């Protein structure tokens, strides 16, 4: 529990030897902002599809959708990347350069951010005066 300040994780980027990225844990307000942005996008796309498509979607069993859901889909990927990527080895300025990532790398990184932000600190970490820095 407590503040997320200083909680960072350094990751090696898959299939790119020597390349790394450092992500930070996001406070609840930014996570909520990422959820709201995703919700707004979904609502806008649904409106664009029209009433006929909406009726088709209503027929899908919600339990089927929930069972196959990826928790990353709850958040706007761009929002997560812009706010959680703290540093990286690429020769490109943050936060704007996150828009230049390949699709596969952006997906992987978004999943890592969601996983890191879902992680509960251990009792020892909570008692420690210094926030944890995690490397993989």
Protein backbone atom coordinates (compact mmCIF):
# COMPACT_ATOMS: atom_id res chain seq x y z
CA UNK A 1 0.00 0.00 0.00
CA UNK A 2 1.06 3.61 0.10
CA UNK A 3 2.66 5.73 -2.58
CA UNK A 4 3.75 4.42 -5.96
CA UNK A 5 6.56 6.96 -6.19
CA UNK A 6 9.87 5.30 -6.98
CA UNK A 7 8.46 1.90 -7.94
CA UNK A 8 10.14 1.07 -11.24
CA UNK A 9 10.95 -2.03 -13.25
CA UNK A 10 13.62 -2.43 -15.92
CA UNK A 11 12.86 -4.92 -18.69
CA UNK A 12 14.92 -6.33 -21.51
CA UNK A 13 13.06 -5.89 -24.79
CA UNK A 14 12.40 -9.31 -26.37
CA UNK A 15 14.38 -10.18 -29.49
CA UNK A 16 16.41 -6.96 -29.26
CA UNK A 17 19.71 -7.75 -27.52
CA UNK A 18 20.99 -4.83 -25.46
CA UNK A 19 17.73 -2.86 -25.66
CA UNK A 20 15.79 -2.16 -22.47
CA UNK A 21 12.89 -0.14 -21.14
CA UNK A 22 12.13 1.13 -17.66
CA UNK A 23 8.51 1.40 -16.57
CA UNK A 24 7.07 2.99 -13.48
CA UNK A 25 4.07 2.11 -11.38
CA UNK A 26 1.19 4.48 -12.06
CA UNK A 27 -0.94 6.15 -9.41
CA UNK A 28 -4.63 5.27 -9.27
CA UNK A 29 -5.67 8.49 -11.01
CA UNK A 30 -3.64 7.72 -14.12
CA UNK A 31 -4.87 4.13 -14.19
CA UNK A 32 -8.42 5.44 -13.97
CA UNK A 33 -7.64 7.89 -16.79
CA UNK A 34 -6.39 5.01 -18.97
CA UNK A 35 -9.59 3.05 -18.26
CA UNK A 36 -11.80 6.05 -19.04
CA UNK A 37 -9.98 6.79 -22.29
CA UNK A 38 -10.44 3.14 -23.36
CA UNK A 39 -14.14 3.30 -22.44
CA UNK A 40 -14.58 6.51 -24.45
CA UNK A 41 -12.95 4.92 -27.51
CA UNK A 42 -15.16 1.81 -27.26
CA UNK A 43 -18.32 3.91 -26.92
CA UNK A 44 -17.36 6.06 -29.89
CA UNK A 45 -16.63 3.02 -32.07
CA UNK A 46 -19.93 1.44 -31.05
CA UNK A 47 -21.77 4.61 -32.06
CA UNK A 48 -20.01 4.56 -35.41
CA UNK A 49 -21.09 0.95 -36.04
CA UNK A 50 -24.72 1.85 -35.61
CA UNK A 51 -27.70 0.25 -33.93
CA UNK A 52 -27.64 -2.96 -35.98
CA UNK A 53 -24.13 -3.91 -34.86
CA UNK A 54 -24.96 -2.97 -31.27
CA UNK A 55 -27.92 -5.38 -31.30
CA UNK A 56 -25.65 -8.17 -32.57
CA UNK A 57 -23.18 -7.50 -29.77
CA UNK A 58 -25.93 -7.63 -27.15
CA UNK A 59 -26.55 -11.25 -28.16
CA UNK A 60 -23.02 -12.30 -27.17
CA UNK A 61 -22.93 -14.00 -23.78
CA UNK A 62 -21.08 -11.71 -21.36
CA UNK A 63 -19.54 -14.71 -19.60
CA UNK A 64 -17.98 -15.82 -22.91
CA UNK A 65 -16.43 -12.40 -23.41
CA UNK A 66 -15.22 -12.11 -19.81
CA UNK A 67 -13.59 -15.54 -19.81
CA UNK A 68 -11.45 -14.71 -22.84
CA UNK A 69 -10.73 -11.11 -21.83
CA UNK A 70 -7.20 -9.81 -21.58
CA UNK A 71 -6.85 -7.38 -18.63
CA UNK A 72 -4.79 -5.11 -20.88
CA UNK A 73 -7.95 -4.42 -22.93
CA UNK A 74 -9.33 -2.50 -19.96
CA UNK A 75 -6.84 0.33 -20.63
CA UNK A 76 -5.94 2.62 -23.50
CA UNK A 77 -2.57 1.36 -24.72
CA UNK A 78 -1.22 4.75 -25.82
CA UNK A 79 -2.17 6.32 -22.50
CA UNK A 80 -0.35 3.56 -20.60
CA UNK A 81 2.78 3.82 -22.74
CA UNK A 82 2.95 7.61 -22.55
CA UNK A 83 2.60 7.66 -18.76
CA UNK A 84 4.44 4.52 -17.62
CA UNK A 85 7.53 4.39 -19.83
CA UNK A 86 10.12 6.29 -17.82
CA UNK A 87 13.31 5.58 -19.77
CA UNK A 88 14.65 3.34 -22.53
CA UNK A 89 17.75 2.54 -24.53
CA UNK A 90 16.27 3.67 -27.84
CA UNK A 91 17.58 6.86 -29.43
CA UNK A 92 14.19 8.56 -29.38
CA UNK A 93 12.64 11.13 -27.01
CA UNK A 94 9.99 10.11 -24.55
CA UNK A 95 7.04 10.29 -24.22
CA UNK A 96 6.24 11.12 -27.87
CA UNK A 97 8.39 8.35 -29.35
CA UNK A 98 6.17 5.62 -27.86
CA UNK A 99 3.97 6.25 -30.91
CA UNK A 100 6.84 4.90 -33.07
CA UNK A 101 6.96 1.45 -31.46
CA UNK A 102 6.19 -1.60 -33.56
CA UNK A 103 2.76 -3.12 -32.86
CA UNK A 104 4.24 -6.26 -31.29
CA UNK A 105 6.53 -4.28 -28.98
CA UNK A 106 3.72 -1.91 -27.95
CA UNK A 107 1.46 -4.88 -27.11
CA UNK A 108 4.18 -6.61 -25.09
CA UNK A 109 5.03 -3.41 -23.22
CA UNK A 110 1.38 -2.61 -22.42
CA UNK A 111 0.95 -6.11 -20.96
CA UNK A 112 4.08 -5.63 -18.84
CA UNK A 113 2.78 -2.28 -17.57
CA UNK A 114 -0.60 -3.74 -16.61
CA UNK A 115 1.07 -6.71 -14.92
CA UNK A 116 3.43 -4.45 -12.97
CA UNK A 117 0.60 -2.19 -11.87
CA UNK A 118 -1.45 -5.20 -10.76
CA UNK A 119 1.38 -6.54 -8.61
CA UNK A 120 0.83 -6.29 -4.87
CA UNK A 121 3.87 -5.34 -2.82
CA UNK A 122 5.06 -7.93 -0.34
CA UNK A 123 4.86 -7.25 3.40
CA UNK A 124 8.64 -6.76 3.50
CA UNK A 125 8.46 -4.18 0.68
CA UNK A 126 5.65 -2.38 2.49
CA UNK A 127 7.75 -2.19 5.66
CA UNK A 128 10.88 -1.12 3.81
CA UNK A 129 11.44 2.64 3.75
CA UNK A 130 12.62 2.53 0.14
CA UNK A 131 10.17 1.71 -2.66
CA UNK A 132 11.14 -1.39 -4.65
CA UNK A 133 13.02 -1.24 -7.91
CA UNK A 134 12.63 -4.45 -9.85
CA UNK A 135 14.85 -5.69 -12.68
CA UNK A 136 14.40 -8.62 -14.99
